[in-house]
Amino acid sequence: MHRMNLDCADICDTTGRVLSRHTGYDANLTRTVLEACAQACKSCGEVCVHHGRQGVQHCQVCADECRRCEAACREMLTTAFYRAGTVEGSPPSVP
């Protein structure tokens, strides 16, 4: 489990860095990074929730954070890519 937590944290950190860059934009790369982050958070959260139910409080906290991050990634994917039908070019403008 420790390995999964570290991998998830690294993927989340990388996703944050990719999304916050103010130079250039590759929609396919951004989409792929968001999908990877959502999957990492889902996998890690599922393991952590199991341990949290066994009374390990810090695992429940981890599970809650993983769910929040997964939901945020999926919302960005839905809003920026799937609803707009965009996979290449500039990100859709926000009204």
Protein backbone atom coordinates (compact mmCIF):
# COMPACT_ATOMS: atom_id res chain seq x y z
CA MET A 1 0.00 0.00 0.00
CA HIS A 2 2.85 2.38 0.77
CA ARG A 3 4.07 2.09 -2.84
CA MET A 4 0.58 2.88 -4.17
CA ASN A 5 0.34 5.98 -1.98
CA LEU A 6 3.71 7.25 -3.21
CA ASP A 7 2.88 6.54 -6.86
CA CYS A 8 -0.46 8.30 -6.52
CA ALA A 9 1.15 11.32 -4.85
CA ASP A 10 3.76 11.54 -7.62
CA ILE A 11 1.12 11.33 -10.35
CA CYS A 12 -0.99 14.00 -8.64
CA ASP A 13 2.05 16.26 -8.27
CA THR A 14 2.99 15.83 -11.92
CA THR A 15 -0.59 16.50 -13.03
CA GLY A 16 -0.64 19.73 -11.05
CA ARG A 17 2.63 20.86 -12.60
CA VAL A 18 1.48 20.03 -16.15
CA LEU A 19 -1.85 21.83 -15.69
CA SER A 20 -0.31 24.94 -14.15
CA ARG A 21 2.25 25.65 -16.90
CA HIS A 22 1.65 28.88 -18.75
CA THR A 23 3.60 27.97 -21.89
CA GLY A 24 2.29 25.95 -24.80
CA TYR A 25 -0.54 23.46 -24.61
CA ASP A 26 -0.95 19.88 -25.78
CA ALA A 27 -4.56 18.77 -25.32
CA ASN A 28 -3.76 15.09 -25.85
CA LEU A 29 -1.03 15.13 -23.20
CA THR A 30 -3.22 17.07 -20.78
CA ARG A 31 -6.11 14.63 -21.26
CA THR A 32 -3.82 11.64 -20.76
CA VAL A 33 -2.31 13.10 -17.58
CA LEU A 34 -5.77 13.85 -16.15
CA GLU A 35 -6.97 10.33 -16.96
CA ALA A 36 -3.88 8.81 -15.32
CA CYS A 37 -4.36 10.95 -12.22
CA ALA A 38 -8.04 10.02 -11.94
CA GLN A 39 -7.18 6.32 -12.25
CA ALA A 40 -4.35 6.52 -9.71
CA CYS A 41 -6.63 8.27 -7.23
CA LYS A 42 -9.41 5.74 -7.81
CA SER A 43 -7.08 2.78 -7.22
CA CYS A 44 -5.40 4.31 -4.19
CA GLY A 45 -8.70 5.45 -2.72
CA GLU A 46 -10.22 1.98 -3.01
CA VAL A 47 -7.36 0.47 -1.02
CA CYS A 48 -7.36 3.27 1.55
CA VAL A 49 -11.12 3.10 2.12
CA HIS A 50 -10.77 -0.60 2.94
CA HIS A 51 -8.15 0.17 5.61
CA GLY A 52 -10.16 3.15 6.81
CA ARG A 53 -13.13 0.88 7.49
CA GLN A 54 -10.84 -1.18 9.70
CA GLY A 55 -10.32 1.86 11.91
CA VAL A 56 -7.10 3.24 10.46
CA GLN A 57 -8.00 6.94 10.55
CA HIS A 58 -5.21 8.27 8.31
CA CYS A 59 -6.31 5.81 5.62
CA GLN A 60 -9.83 7.22 5.72
CA VAL A 61 -8.40 10.71 5.30
CA CYS A 62 -6.35 9.47 2.34
CA ALA A 63 -9.43 7.80 0.80
CA ASP A 64 -11.42 11.03 1.11
CA GLU A 65 -8.66 13.07 -0.55
CA CYS A 66 -8.27 10.51 -3.32
CA ARG A 67 -12.00 10.71 -4.04
CA ARG A 68 -11.85 14.51 -4.18
CA CYS A 69 -8.88 14.51 -6.53
CA GLU A 70 -10.42 11.83 -8.76
CA ALA A 71 -13.65 13.84 -8.96
CA ALA A 72 -11.74 17.03 -9.82
CA CYS A 73 -9.82 15.29 -12.61
CA ARG A 74 -12.99 13.76 -14.02
CA GLU A 75 -14.76 17.12 -13.88
CA MET A 76 -11.91 18.79 -15.77
CA LEU A 77 -11.99 16.00 -18.36
CA THR A 78 -15.74 16.28 -18.76
CA THR A 79 -15.77 20.06 -18.92
CA ALA A 80 -12.68 20.68 -21.02
CA PHE A 81 -12.61 17.70 -23.35
CA TYR A 82 -15.59 15.41 -23.58
CA ARG A 83 -18.41 17.97 -23.51
CA ALA A 84 -16.55 20.28 -25.85
CA GLY A 85 -15.44 17.43 -28.10
CA THR A 86 -11.88 18.74 -27.97
CA VAL A 87 -8.82 16.54 -28.02
CA GLU A 88 -6.39 18.72 -29.90
CA GLY A 89 -5.55 22.40 -30.00
CA SER A 90 -6.31 25.03 -27.43
CA PRO A 91 -8.39 24.35 -24.35
CA PRO A 92 -11.98 25.56 -24.60
CA SER A 93 -12.48 29.08 -23.30
CA VAL A 94 -14.25 29.49 -19.99
CA PRO A 95 -17.26 31.82 -20.15
